[in-house]
Amino acid sequence: MGVALAIIGWGIFIIAFEVTTGPLWLSVLFLAGAGAADMVSMILRGLVVQLITPDEFRGRISAVNAMFVIGGPMLGQFESGLVAGLMTPEISVVSGGLACIFATLAIAAFVPGLLKVKVR
């Protein structure tokens, strides 16, 4: 549940960064919030991989995790560039944040067991 909340938080902070027309410090605060949410998500995902995966599968699972950690941002960068080229950079930022939130909610709806993972 914590991973999903952190990812949704990242999306919210990114959208808030884009729609903010106030002072610079507020925009920086939203970007810092997005970075913090990303860090929390990364730490929690790492804990799940290291503490729940059986020893004999840990290397394979870590490799699959690395593929998603490396490939996910590249897919996001592709989406951002494509939308910014077709529309505007502003729409690109908001659509990226919304896509992140909706994808997380869709995965949670289709695989509800992921929200019940507990690390002990």
PDB file of N, CA and C in Angstrom:
ATOM      1  N   MET A   1       0.822  -1.196   0.000  1.00  0.00           N
ATOM      2  CA  MET A   1       0.000   0.000   0.000  1.00  0.00           C
ATOM      3  C   MET A   1       0.866   1.261   0.000  1.00  0.00           C
ATOM      4  N   GLY A   2       1.973   1.215   0.737  1.00  0.00           N
ATOM      5  CA  GLY A   2       2.861   2.374   0.817  1.00  0.00           C
ATOM      6  C   GLY A   2       3.470   2.730  -0.519  1.00  0.00           C
ATOM      7  N   VAL A   3       3.832   1.718  -1.300  1.00  0.00           N
ATOM      8  CA  VAL A   3       4.426   1.978  -2.620  1.00  0.00           C
ATOM      9  C   VAL A   3       3.408   2.685  -3.503  1.00  0.00           C
ATOM     10  N   ALA A   4       2.187   2.184  -3.527  1.00  0.00           N
ATOM     11  CA  ALA A   4       1.143   2.795  -4.363  1.00  0.00           C
ATOM     12  C   ALA A   4       0.876   4.237  -3.929  1.00  0.00           C
ATOM     13  N   LEU A   5       0.821   4.469  -2.637  1.00  0.00           N
ATOM     14  CA  LEU A   5       0.577   5.837  -2.157  1.00  0.00           C
ATOM     15  C   LEU A   5       1.731   6.772  -2.521  1.00  0.00           C
ATOM     16  N   ALA A   6       2.959   6.267  -2.436  1.00  0.00           N
ATOM     17  CA  ALA A   6       4.111   7.095  -2.798  1.00  0.00           C
ATOM     18  C   ALA A   6       4.089   7.442  -4.291  1.00  0.00           C
ATOM     19  N   ILE A   7       3.727   6.473  -5.123  1.00  0.00           N
ATOM     20  CA  ILE A   7       3.677   6.726  -6.565  1.00  0.00           C
ATOM     21  C   ILE A   7       2.562   7.707  -6.903  1.00  0.00           C
ATOM     22  N   ILE A   8       1.405   7.535  -6.283  1.00  0.00           N
ATOM     23  CA  ILE A   8       0.311   8.482  -6.499  1.00  0.00           C
ATOM     24  C   ILE A   8       0.710   9.872  -6.002  1.00  0.00           C
ATOM     25  N   GLY A   9       1.416   9.914  -4.871  1.00  0.00           N
ATOM     26  CA  GLY A   9       1.913  11.195  -4.352  1.00  0.00           C
ATOM     27  C   GLY A   9       2.839  11.877  -5.338  1.00  0.00           C
ATOM     28  N   TRP A  10       3.721  11.095  -5.986  1.00  0.00           N
ATOM     29  CA  TRP A  10       4.617  11.661  -6.996  1.00  0.00           C
ATOM     30  C   TRP A  10       3.803  12.322  -8.104  1.00  0.00           C
ATOM     31  N   GLY A  11       2.778  11.622  -8.595  1.00  0.00           N
ATOM     32  CA  GLY A  11       1.941  12.173  -9.654  1.00  0.00           C
ATOM     33  C   GLY A  11       1.257  13.464  -9.233  1.00  0.00           C
ATOM     34  N   ILE A  12       0.772  13.483  -8.010  1.00  0.00           N
ATOM     35  CA  ILE A  12       0.087  14.685  -7.498  1.00  0.00           C
ATOM     36  C   ILE A  12       1.061  15.856  -7.395  1.00  0.00           C
ATOM     37  N   PHE A  13       2.265  15.598  -6.869  1.00  0.00           N
ATOM     38  CA  PHE A  13       3.256  16.672  -6.755  1.00  0.00           C
ATOM     39  C   PHE A  13       3.678  17.206  -8.116  1.00  0.00           C
ATOM     40  N   ILE A  14       3.816  16.325  -9.106  1.00  0.00           N
ATOM     41  CA  ILE A  14       4.208  16.772 -10.447  1.00  0.00           C
ATOM     42  C   ILE A  14       3.110  17.639 -11.061  1.00  0.00           C
ATOM     43  N   ILE A  15       1.854  17.220 -10.889  1.00  0.00           N
ATOM     44  CA  ILE A  15       0.742  18.027 -11.410  1.00  0.00           C
ATOM     45  C   ILE A  15       0.686  19.371 -10.686  1.00  0.00           C
ATOM     46  N   ALA A  16       0.864  19.350  -9.362  1.00  0.00           N
ATOM     47  CA  ALA A  16       0.840  20.597  -8.587  1.00  0.00           C
ATOM     48  C   ALA A  16       1.966  21.529  -9.030  1.00  0.00           C
ATOM     49  N   PHE A  17       3.142  20.956  -9.340  1.00  0.00           N
ATOM     50  CA  PHE A  17       4.250  21.776  -9.838  1.00  0.00           C
ATOM     51  C   PHE A  17       3.855  22.501 -11.121  1.00  0.00           C
ATOM     52  N   GLU A  18       3.176  21.797 -12.007  1.00  0.00           N
ATOM     53  CA  GLU A  18       2.812  22.398 -13.293  1.00  0.00           C
ATOM     54  C   GLU A  18       1.756  23.486 -13.143  1.00  0.00           C
ATOM     55  N   VAL A  19       0.754  23.252 -12.334  1.00  0.00           N
ATOM     56  CA  VAL A  19      -0.360  24.205 -12.267  1.00  0.00           C
ATOM     57  C   VAL A  19      -0.079  25.381 -11.338  1.00  0.00           C
ATOM     58  N   THR A  20       1.028  25.329 -10.611  1.00  0.00           N
ATOM     59  CA  THR A  20       1.366  26.411  -9.696  1.00  0.00           C
ATOM     60  C   THR A  20       1.795  27.646 -10.471  1.00  0.00           C
ATOM     61  N   THR A  21       1.158  28.759 -10.174  1.00  0.00           N
ATOM     62  CA  THR A  21       1.546  30.031 -10.789  1.00  0.00           C
ATOM     63  C   THR A  21       2.108  30.971  -9.732  1.00  0.00           C
ATOM     64  N   GLY A  22       2.261  30.462  -8.531  1.00  0.00           N
ATOM     65  CA  GLY A  22       2.730  31.283  -7.417  1.00  0.00           C
ATOM     66  C   GLY A  22       4.228  31.484  -7.425  1.00  0.00           C
ATOM     67  N   PRO A  23       4.787  31.745  -6.258  1.00  0.00           N
ATOM     68  CA  PRO A  23       6.218  32.034  -6.163  1.00  0.00           C
ATOM     69  C   PRO A  23       7.088  30.810  -6.470  1.00  0.00           C
ATOM     70  N   LEU A  24       8.333  31.070  -6.789  1.00  0.00           N
ATOM     71  CA  LEU A  24       9.282  30.019  -7.141  1.00  0.00           C
ATOM     72  C   LEU A  24       9.450  29.008  -6.011  1.00  0.00           C
ATOM     73  N   TRP A  25       9.463  29.488  -4.757  1.00  0.00           N
ATOM     74  CA  TRP A  25       9.685  28.571  -3.637  1.00  0.00           C
ATOM     75  C   TRP A  25       8.595  27.508  -3.568  1.00  0.00           C
ATOM     76  N   LEU A  26       7.380  27.846  -3.978  1.00  0.00           N
ATOM     77  CA  LEU A  26       6.289  26.873  -3.959  1.00  0.00           C
ATOM     78  C   LEU A  26       6.510  25.792  -5.022  1.00  0.00           C
ATOM     79  N   SER A  27       6.963  26.200  -6.201  1.00  0.00           N
ATOM     80  CA  SER A  27       7.289  25.228  -7.248  1.00  0.00           C
ATOM     81  C   SER A  27       8.412  24.305  -6.807  1.00  0.00           C
ATOM     82  N   VAL A  28       9.434  24.888  -6.168  1.00  0.00           N
ATOM     83  CA  VAL A  28      10.550  24.083  -5.665  1.00  0.00           C
ATOM     84  C   VAL A  28      10.063  23.119  -4.590  1.00  0.00           C
ATOM     85  N   LEU A  29       9.150  23.555  -3.753  1.00  0.00           N
ATOM     86  CA  LEU A  29       8.590  22.690  -2.713  1.00  0.00           C
ATOM     87  C   LEU A  29       7.858  21.493  -3.331  1.00  0.00           C
ATOM     88  N   PHE A  30       7.098  21.727  -4.405  1.00  0.00           N
ATOM     89  CA  PHE A  30       6.407  20.621  -5.079  1.00  0.00           C
ATOM     90  C   PHE A  30       7.392  19.653  -5.732  1.00  0.00           C
ATOM     91  N   LEU A  31       8.456  20.186  -6.323  1.00  0.00           N
ATOM     92  CA  LEU A  31       9.471  19.315  -6.904  1.00  0.00           C
ATOM     93  C   LEU A  31      10.188  18.496  -5.829  1.00  0.00           C
ATOM     94  N   ALA A  32      10.445  19.114  -4.684  1.00  0.00           N
ATOM     95  CA  ALA A  32      11.057  18.383  -3.562  1.00  0.00           C
ATOM     96  C   ALA A  32      10.111  17.296  -3.063  1.00  0.00           C
ATOM     97  N   GLY A  33       8.823  17.599  -3.024  1.00  0.00           N
ATOM     98  CA  GLY A  33       7.834  16.584  -2.631  1.00  0.00           C
ATOM     99  C   GLY A  33       7.804  15.420  -3.595  1.00  0.00           C
ATOM    100  N   ALA A  34       7.910  15.718  -4.889  1.00  0.00           N
ATOM    101  CA  ALA A  34       7.951  14.645  -5.890  1.00  0.00           C
ATOM    102  C   ALA A  34       9.197  13.792  -5.704  1.00  0.00           C
ATOM    103  N   GLY A  35      10.325  14.423  -5.451  1.00  0.00           N
ATOM    104  CA  GLY A  35      11.555  13.679  -5.208  1.00  0.00           C
ATOM    105  C   GLY A  35      11.466  12.820  -3.960  1.00  0.00           C
ATOM    106  N   ALA A  36      10.871  13.357  -2.908  1.00  0.00           N
ATOM    107  CA  ALA A  36      10.711  12.589  -1.667  1.00  0.00           C
ATOM    108  C   ALA A  36       9.781  11.398  -1.877  1.00  0.00           C
ATOM    109  N   ALA A  37       8.693  11.603  -2.597  1.00  0.00           N
ATOM    110  CA  ALA A  37       7.767  10.495  -2.869  1.00  0.00           C
ATOM    111  C   ALA A  37       8.445   9.417  -3.704  1.00  0.00           C
ATOM    112  N   ASP A  38       9.261   9.831  -4.668  1.00  0.00           N
ATOM    113  CA  ASP A  38       9.997   8.872  -5.490  1.00  0.00           C
ATOM    114  C   ASP A  38      10.991   8.087  -4.642  1.00  0.00           C
ATOM    115  N   MET A  39      11.654   8.756  -3.718  1.00  0.00           N
ATOM    116  CA  MET A  39      12.621   8.083  -2.850  1.00  0.00           C
ATOM    117  C   MET A  39      11.928   7.086  -1.930  1.00  0.00           C
ATOM    118  N   VAL A  40      10.788   7.456  -1.369  1.00  0.00           N
ATOM    119  CA  VAL A  40      10.034   6.537  -0.512  1.00  0.00           C
ATOM    120  C   VAL A  40       9.608   5.310  -1.311  1.00  0.00           C
ATOM    121  N   SER A  41       9.109   5.524  -2.513  1.00  0.00           N
ATOM    122  CA  SER A  41       8.706   4.411  -3.377  1.00  0.00           C
ATOM    123  C   SER A  41       9.880   3.490  -3.669  1.00  0.00           C
ATOM    124  N   MET A  42      11.034   4.077  -3.988  1.00  0.00           N
ATOM    125  CA  MET A  42      12.222   3.283  -4.308  1.00  0.00           C
ATOM    126  C   MET A  42      12.673   2.464  -3.102  1.00  0.00           C
ATOM    127  N   ILE A  43      12.687   3.044  -1.943  1.00  0.00           N
ATOM    128  CA  ILE A  43      13.120   2.334  -0.733  1.00  0.00           C
ATOM    129  C   ILE A  43      12.154   1.199  -0.413  1.00  0.00           C
ATOM    130  N   LEU A  44      10.852   1.462  -0.480  1.00  0.00           N
ATOM    131  CA  LEU A  44       9.872   0.424  -0.171  1.00  0.00           C
ATOM    132  C   LEU A  44       9.933  -0.726  -1.176  1.00  0.00           C
ATOM    133  N   ARG A  45      10.094  -0.409  -2.463  1.00  0.00           N
ATOM    134  CA  ARG A  45      10.212  -1.469  -3.472  1.00  0.00           C
ATOM    135  C   ARG A  45      11.467  -2.303  -3.242  1.00  0.00           C
ATOM    136  N   GLY A  46      12.561  -1.644  -2.890  1.00  0.00           N
ATOM    137  CA  GLY A  46      13.794  -2.368  -2.598  1.00  0.00           C
ATOM    138  C   GLY A  46      13.648  -3.286  -1.396  1.00  0.00           C
ATOM    139  N   LEU A  47      12.951  -2.812  -0.369  1.00  0.00           N
ATOM    140  CA  LEU A  47      12.709  -3.649   0.810  1.00  0.00           C
ATOM    141  C   LEU A  47      11.878  -4.876   0.465  1.00  0.00           C
ATOM    142  N   VAL A  48      10.848  -4.680  -0.335  1.00  0.00           N
ATOM    143  CA  VAL A  48      10.003  -5.818  -0.717  1.00  0.00           C
ATOM    144  C   VAL A  48      10.819  -6.848  -1.480  1.00  0.00           C
ATOM    145  N   VAL A  49      11.623  -6.396  -2.433  1.00  0.00           N
ATOM    146  CA  VAL A  49      12.429  -7.338  -3.229  1.00  0.00           C
ATOM    147  C   VAL A  49      13.419  -8.080  -2.339  1.00  0.00           C
ATOM    148  N   GLN A  50      14.080  -7.384  -1.445  1.00  0.00           N
ATOM    149  CA  GLN A  50      15.128  -8.009  -0.633  1.00  0.00           C
ATOM    150  C   GLN A  50      14.584  -8.871   0.502  1.00  0.00           C
ATOM    151  N   LEU A  51      13.457  -8.499   1.083  1.00  0.00           N
ATOM    152  CA  LEU A  51      12.981  -9.201   2.272  1.00  0.00           C
ATOM    153  C   LEU A  51      11.931 -10.269   2.010  1.00  0.00           C
ATOM    154  N   ILE A  52      11.225 -10.182   0.897  1.00  0.00           N
ATOM    155  CA  ILE A  52      10.164 -11.154   0.631  1.00  0.00           C
ATOM    156  C   ILE A  52      10.592 -12.219  -0.363  1.00  0.00           C
ATOM    157  N   THR A  53      11.477 -11.880  -1.267  1.00  0.00           N
ATOM    158  CA  THR A  53      11.894 -12.837  -2.295  1.00  0.00           C
ATOM    159  C   THR A  53      12.736 -13.949  -1.675  1.00  0.00           C
ATOM    160  N   PRO A  54      12.422 -15.212  -1.973  1.00  0.00           N
ATOM    161  CA  PRO A  54      13.258 -16.318  -1.482  1.00  0.00           C
ATOM    162  C   PRO A  54      14.690 -16.196  -2.027  1.00  0.00           C
ATOM    163  N   ASP A  55      15.649 -16.683  -1.238  1.00  0.00           N
ATOM    164  CA  ASP A  55      17.063 -16.551  -1.598  1.00  0.00           C
ATOM    165  C   ASP A  55      17.376 -17.045  -3.004  1.00  0.00           C
ATOM    166  N   GLU A  56      16.807 -18.189  -3.391  1.00  0.00           N
ATOM    167  CA  GLU A  56      17.147 -18.775  -4.684  1.00  0.00           C
ATOM    168  C   GLU A  56      16.614 -17.967  -5.876  1.00  0.00           C
ATOM    169  N   PHE A  57      15.680 -17.040  -5.638  1.00  0.00           N
ATOM    170  CA  PHE A  57      15.125 -16.228  -6.728  1.00  0.00           C
ATOM    171  C   PHE A  57      15.547 -14.767  -6.658  1.00  0.00           C
ATOM    172  N   ARG A  58      16.265 -14.379  -5.625  1.00  0.00           N
ATOM    173  CA  ARG A  58      16.550 -12.962  -5.401  1.00  0.00           C
ATOM    174  C   ARG A  58      17.304 -12.323  -6.566  1.00  0.00           C
ATOM    175  N   GLY A  59      18.274 -13.013  -7.146  1.00  0.00           N
ATOM    176  CA  GLY A  59      19.026 -12.454  -8.268  1.00  0.00           C
ATOM    177  C   GLY A  59      18.146 -12.209  -9.478  1.00  0.00           C
ATOM    178  N   ARG A  60      17.290 -13.177  -9.787  1.00  0.00           N
ATOM    179  CA  ARG A  60      16.400 -13.033 -10.950  1.00  0.00           C
ATOM    180  C   ARG A  60      15.389 -11.914 -10.740  1.00  0.00           C
ATOM    181  N   ILE A  61      14.818 -11.869  -9.552  1.00  0.00           N
ATOM    182  CA  ILE A  61      13.823 -10.830  -9.256  1.00  0.00           C
ATOM    183  C   ILE A  61      14.492  -9.459  -9.254  1.00  0.00           C
ATOM    184  N   SER A  62      15.700  -9.380  -8.728  1.00  0.00           N
ATOM    185  CA  SER A  62      16.422  -8.103  -8.741  1.00  0.00           C
ATOM    186  C   SER A  62      16.701  -7.646 -10.174  1.00  0.00           C
ATOM    187  N   ALA A  63      16.995  -8.597 -11.058  1.00  0.00           N
ATOM    188  CA  ALA A  63      17.238  -8.252 -12.468  1.00  0.00           C
ATOM    189  C   ALA A  63      15.962  -7.731 -13.125  1.00  0.00           C
ATOM    190  N   VAL A  64      14.845  -8.384 -12.868  1.00  0.00           N
ATOM    191  CA  VAL A  64      13.563  -7.919 -13.427  1.00  0.00           C
ATOM    192  C   VAL A  64      13.228  -6.548 -12.857  1.00  0.00           C
ATOM    193  N   ASN A  65      13.445  -6.355 -11.568  1.00  0.00           N
ATOM    194  CA  ASN A  65      13.202  -5.062 -10.941  1.00  0.00           C
ATOM    195  C   ASN A  65      14.066  -3.987 -11.601  1.00  0.00           C
ATOM    196  N   ALA A  66      15.328  -4.307 -11.865  1.00  0.00           N
ATOM    197  CA  ALA A  66      16.223  -3.342 -12.498  1.00  0.00           C
ATOM    198  C   ALA A  66      15.727  -2.967 -13.895  1.00  0.00           C
ATOM    199  N   MET A  67      15.186  -3.939 -14.630  1.00  0.00           N
ATOM    200  CA  MET A  67      14.658  -3.630 -15.967  1.00  0.00           C
ATOM    201  C   MET A  67      13.517  -2.622 -15.873  1.00  0.00           C
ATOM    202  N   PHE A  68      12.651  -2.766 -14.879  1.00  0.00           N
ATOM    203  CA  PHE A  68      11.547  -1.822 -14.733  1.00  0.00           C
ATOM    204  C   PHE A  68      12.039  -0.471 -14.232  1.00  0.00           C
ATOM    205  N   VAL A  69      13.016  -0.476 -13.318  1.00  0.00           N
ATOM    206  CA  VAL A  69      13.548   0.780 -12.786  1.00  0.00           C
ATOM    207  C   VAL A  69      14.238   1.583 -13.886  1.00  0.00           C
ATOM    208  N   ILE A  70      14.916   0.890 -14.807  1.00  0.00           N
ATOM    209  CA  ILE A  70      15.604   1.569 -15.905  1.00  0.00           C
ATOM    210  C   ILE A  70      14.626   1.903 -17.036  1.00  0.00           C
ATOM    211  N   GLY A  71      13.744   0.970 -17.374  1.00  0.00           N
ATOM    212  CA  GLY A  71      12.844   1.148 -18.507  1.00  0.00           C
ATOM    213  C   GLY A  71      11.673   2.064 -18.241  1.00  0.00           C
ATOM    214  N   GLY A  72      11.177   2.093 -17.015  1.00  0.00           N
ATOM    215  CA  GLY A  72      10.012   2.925 -16.691  1.00  0.00           C
ATOM    216  C   GLY A  72      10.240   4.402 -16.955  1.00  0.00           C
ATOM    217  N   PRO A  73      11.310   4.978 -16.415  1.00  0.00           N
ATOM    218  CA  PRO A  73      11.559   6.395 -16.698  1.00  0.00           C
ATOM    219  C   PRO A  73      11.795   6.678 -18.179  1.00  0.00           C
ATOM    220  N   MET A  74      12.404   5.735 -18.894  1.00  0.00           N
ATOM    221  CA  MET A  74      12.603   5.952 -20.332  1.00  0.00           C
ATOM    222  C   MET A  74      11.263   6.015 -21.056  1.00  0.00           C
ATOM    223  N   LEU A  75      10.338   5.170 -20.671  1.00  0.00           N
ATOM    224  CA  LEU A  75       8.995   5.216 -21.253  1.00  0.00           C
ATOM    225  C   LEU A  75       8.324   6.544 -20.923  1.00  0.00           C
ATOM    226  N   GLY A  76       8.489   7.004 -19.688  1.00  0.00           N
ATOM    227  CA  GLY A  76       7.939   8.300 -19.298  1.00  0.00           C
ATOM    228  C   GLY A  76       8.553   9.451 -20.076  1.00  0.00           C
ATOM    229  N   GLN A  77       9.857   9.381 -20.322  1.00  0.00           N
ATOM    230  CA  GLN A  77      10.520  10.428 -21.101  1.00  0.00           C
ATOM    231  C   GLN A  77      10.023  10.432 -22.543  1.00  0.00           C
ATOM    232  N   PHE A  78       9.801   9.236 -23.094  1.00  0.00           N
ATOM    233  CA  PHE A  78       9.254   9.139 -24.443  1.00  0.00           C
ATOM    234  C   PHE A  78       7.866   9.774 -24.496  1.00  0.00           C
ATOM    235  N   GLU A  79       7.025   9.432 -23.516  1.00  0.00           N
ATOM    236  CA  GLU A  79       5.670   9.994 -23.462  1.00  0.00           C
ATOM    237  C   GLU A  79       5.727  11.507 -23.334  1.00  0.00           C
ATOM    238  N   SER A  80       6.602  11.994 -22.470  1.00  0.00           N
ATOM    239  CA  SER A  80       6.713  13.445 -22.270  1.00  0.00           C
ATOM    240  C   SER A  80       7.127  14.162 -23.544  1.00  0.00           C
ATOM    241  N   GLY A  81       8.137  13.632 -24.213  1.00  0.00           N
ATOM    242  CA  GLY A  81       8.601  14.260 -25.451  1.00  0.00           C
ATOM    243  C   GLY A  81       7.559  14.220 -26.549  1.00  0.00           C
ATOM    244  N   LEU A  82       6.863  13.085 -26.668  1.00  0.00           N
ATOM    245  CA  LEU A  82       5.834  12.943 -27.694  1.00  0.00           C
ATOM    246  C   LEU A  82       4.684  13.924 -27.452  1.00  0.00           C
ATOM    247  N   VAL A  83       4.183  13.968 -26.216  1.00  0.00           N
ATOM    248  CA  VAL A  83       3.066  14.867 -25.906  1.00  0.00           C
ATOM    249  C   VAL A  83       3.502  16.324 -26.014  1.00  0.00           C
ATOM    250  N   ALA A  84       4.712  16.639 -25.544  1.00  0.00           N
ATOM    251  CA  ALA A  84       5.194  18.023 -25.641  1.00  0.00           C
ATOM    252  C   ALA A  84       5.338  18.445 -27.095  1.00  0.00           C
ATOM    253  N   GLY A  85       5.760  17.524 -27.964  1.00  0.00           N
ATOM    254  CA  GLY A  85       5.891  17.840 -29.380  1.00  0.00           C
ATOM    255  C   GLY A  85       4.552  18.011 -30.066  1.00  0.00           C
ATOM    256  N   LEU A  86       3.573  17.203 -29.676  1.00  0.00           N
ATOM    257  CA  LEU A  86       2.253  17.274 -30.307  1.00  0.00           C
ATOM    258  C   LEU A  86       1.379  18.364 -29.703  1.00  0.00           C
ATOM    259  N   MET A  87       1.554  18.599 -28.401  1.00  0.00           N
ATOM    260  CA  MET A  87       0.712  19.587 -27.711  1.00  0.00           C
ATOM    261  C   MET A  87       1.611  20.711 -27.178  1.00  0.00           C
ATOM    262  N   THR A  88       1.719  20.784 -25.851  1.00  0.00           N
ATOM    263  CA  THR A  88       2.592  21.773 -25.202  1.00  0.00           C
ATOM    264  C   THR A  88       3.330  21.086 -24.058  1.00  0.00           C
ATOM    265  N   PRO A  89       4.435  21.663 -23.608  1.00  0.00           N
ATOM    266  CA  PRO A  89       5.134  21.090 -22.453  1.00  0.00           C
ATOM    267  C   PRO A  89       4.260  21.047 -21.194  1.00  0.00           C
ATOM    268  N   GLU A  90       3.395  22.022 -21.039  1.00  0.00           N
ATOM    269  CA  GLU A  90       2.519  22.060 -19.868  1.00  0.00           C
ATOM    270  C   GLU A  90       1.569  20.871 -19.858  1.00  0.00           C
ATOM    271  N   ILE A  91       0.968  20.598 -21.004  1.00  0.00           N
ATOM    272  CA  ILE A  91       0.065  19.445 -21.111  1.00  0.00           C
ATOM    273  C   ILE A  91       0.851  18.161 -20.895  1.00  0.00           C
ATOM    274  N   SER A  92       2.091  18.133 -21.342  1.00  0.00           N
ATOM    275  CA  SER A  92       2.935  16.956 -21.175  1.00  0.00           C
ATOM    276  C   SER A  92       3.164  16.649 -19.702  1.00  0.00           C
ATOM    277  N   VAL A  93       3.449  17.666 -18.909  1.00  0.00           N
ATOM    278  CA  VAL A  93       3.704  17.455 -17.475  1.00  0.00           C
ATOM    279  C   VAL A  93       2.451  16.950 -16.776  1.00  0.00           C
ATOM    280  N   VAL A  94       1.321  17.585 -17.039  1.00  0.00           N
ATOM    281  CA  VAL A  94       0.071  17.180 -16.387  1.00  0.00           C
ATOM    282  C   VAL A  94      -0.345  15.787 -16.844  1.00  0.00           C
ATOM    283  N   SER A  95      -0.238  15.496 -18.126  1.00  0.00           N
ATOM    284  CA  SER A  95      -0.648  14.168 -18.609  1.00  0.00           C
ATOM    285  C   SER A  95       0.268  13.077 -18.056  1.00  0.00           C
ATOM    286  N   GLY A  96       1.543  13.383 -17.867  1.00  0.00           N
ATOM    287  CA  GLY A  96       2.457  12.408 -17.270  1.00  0.00           C
ATOM    288  C   GLY A  96       2.088  12.102 -15.828  1.00  0.00           C
ATOM    289  N   GLY A  97       1.768  13.136 -15.066  1.00  0.00           N
ATOM    290  CA  GLY A  97       1.336  12.931 -13.679  1.00  0.00           C
ATOM    291  C   GLY A  97       0.032  12.155 -13.602  1.00  0.00           C
ATOM    292  N   LEU A  98      -0.914  12.508 -14.475  1.00  0.00           N
ATOM    293  CA  LEU A  98      -2.194  11.796 -14.503  1.00  0.00           C
ATOM    294  C   LEU A  98      -2.015  10.344 -14.938  1.00  0.00           C
ATOM    295  N   ALA A  99      -1.162  10.109 -15.933  1.00  0.00           N
ATOM    296  CA  ALA A  99      -0.915   8.737 -16.390  1.00  0.00           C
ATOM    297  C   ALA A  99      -0.322   7.901 -15.276  1.00  0.00           C
ATOM    298  N   CYS A 100       0.570   8.483 -14.507  1.00  0.00           N
ATOM    299  CA  CYS A 100       1.181   7.778 -13.377  1.00  0.00           C
ATOM    300  C   CYS A 100       0.121   7.402 -12.343  1.00  0.00           C
ATOM    301  N   ILE A 101      -0.739   8.339 -12.012  1.00  0.00           N
ATOM    302  CA  ILE A 101      -1.792   8.079 -11.021  1.00  0.00           C
ATOM    303  C   ILE A 101      -2.760   7.018 -11.534  1.00  0.00           C
ATOM    304  N   PHE A 102      -3.244   7.166 -12.759  1.00  0.00           N
ATOM    305  CA  PHE A 102      -4.227   6.219 -13.291  1.00  0.00           C
ATOM    306  C   PHE A 102      -3.635   4.829 -13.487  1.00  0.00           C
ATOM    307  N   ALA A 103      -2.378   4.754 -13.914  1.00  0.00           N
ATOM    308  CA  ALA A 103      -1.734   3.444 -14.079  1.00  0.00           C
ATOM    309  C   ALA A 103      -1.599   2.748 -12.732  1.00  0.00           C
ATOM    310  N   THR A 104      -1.236   3.494 -11.702  1.00  0.00           N
ATOM    311  CA  THR A 104      -1.117   2.909 -10.362  1.00  0.00           C
ATOM    312  C   THR A 104      -2.466   2.421  -9.862  1.00  0.00           C
ATOM    313  N   LEU A 105      -3.502   3.208 -10.061  1.00  0.00           N
ATOM    314  CA  LEU A 105      -4.847   2.798  -9.629  1.00  0.00           C
ATOM    315  C   LEU A 105      -5.334   1.585 -10.419  1.00  0.00           C
ATOM    316  N   ALA A 106      -5.036   1.540 -11.718  1.00  0.00           N
ATOM    317  CA  ALA A 106      -5.450   0.399 -12.541  1.00  0.00           C
ATOM    318  C   ALA A 106      -4.743  -0.876 -12.095  1.00  0.00           C
ATOM    319  N   ILE A 107      -3.443  -0.789 -11.850  1.00  0.00           N
ATOM    320  CA  ILE A 107      -2.702  -1.967 -11.393  1.00  0.00           C
ATOM    321  C   ILE A 107      -3.223  -2.418 -10.043  1.00  0.00           C
ATOM    322  N   ALA A 108      -3.508  -1.487  -9.154  1.00  0.00           N
ATOM    323  CA  ALA A 108      -4.050  -1.848  -7.835  1.00  0.00           C
ATOM    324  C   ALA A 108      -5.424  -2.498  -7.965  1.00  0.00           C
ATOM    325  N   ALA A 109      -6.210  -2.065  -8.940  1.00  0.00           N
ATOM    326  CA  ALA A 109      -7.540  -2.656  -9.131  1.00  0.00           C
ATOM    327  C   ALA A 109      -7.447  -4.058  -9.732  1.00  0.00           C
ATOM    328  N   PHE A 110      -6.525  -4.249 -10.669  1.00  0.00           N
ATOM    329  CA  PHE A 110      -6.402  -5.553 -11.332  1.00  0.00           C
ATOM    330  C   PHE A 110      -5.628  -6.567 -10.508  1.00  0.00           C
ATOM    331  N   VAL A 111      -4.730  -6.099  -9.644  1.00  0.00           N
ATOM    332  CA  VAL A 111      -3.929  -6.999  -8.805  1.00  0.00           C
ATOM    333  C   VAL A 111      -4.037  -6.507  -7.355  1.00  0.00           C
ATOM    334  N   PRO A 112      -5.184  -6.698  -6.716  1.00  0.00           N
ATOM    335  CA  PRO A 112      -5.378  -6.158  -5.375  1.00  0.00           C
ATOM    336  C   PRO A 112      -4.452  -6.761  -4.324  1.00  0.00           C
ATOM    337  N   GLY A 113      -3.893  -7.929  -4.603  1.00  0.00           N
ATOM    338  CA  GLY A 113      -2.968  -8.552  -3.660  1.00  0.00           C
ATOM    339  C   GLY A 113      -1.709  -7.739  -3.445  1.00  0.00           C
ATOM    340  N   LEU A 114      -1.346  -6.904  -4.412  1.00  0.00           N
ATOM    341  CA  LEU A 114      -0.153  -6.067  -4.260  1.00  0.00           C
ATOM    342  C   LEU A 114      -0.310  -5.065  -3.119  1.00  0.00           C
ATOM    343  N   LEU A 115      -1.534  -4.652  -2.852  1.00  0.00           N
ATOM    344  CA  LEU A 115      -1.759  -3.683  -1.776  1.00  0.00           C
ATOM    345  C   LEU A 115      -1.664  -4.340  -0.401  1.00  0.00           C
ATOM    346  N   LYS A 116      -1.677  -5.653  -0.358  1.00  0.00           N
ATOM    347  CA  LYS A 116      -1.658  -6.368   0.921  1.00  0.00           C
ATOM    348  C   LYS A 116      -0.274  -6.921   1.284  1.00  0.00           C
ATOM    349  N   VAL A 117       0.743  -6.626   0.480  1.00  0.00           N
ATOM    350  CA  VAL A 117       2.084  -7.129   0.751  1.00  0.00           C
ATOM    351  C   VAL A 117       2.606  -6.486   2.032  1.00  0.00           C
ATOM    352  N   LYS A 118       3.080  -7.316   2.946  1.00  0.00           N
ATOM    353  CA  LYS A 118       3.623  -6.828   4.218  1.00  0.00           C
ATOM    354  C   LYS A 118       5.051  -7.348   4.365  1.00  0.00           C
ATOM    355  N   VAL A 119       5.944  -6.456   4.760  1.00  0.00           N
ATOM    356  CA  VAL A 119       7.332  -6.836   5.005  1.00  0.00           C
ATOM    357  C   VAL A 119       7.514  -6.929   6.510  1.00  0.00           C
ATOM    358  N   ARG A 120       8.048  -8.079   6.955  1.00  0.00           N
ATOM    359  CA  ARG A 120       8.241  -8.262   8.410  1.00  0.00           C
ATOM    360  C   ARG A 120       9.683  -8.437   8.733  1.00  0.00           C
TER     361      ARG A 120
END
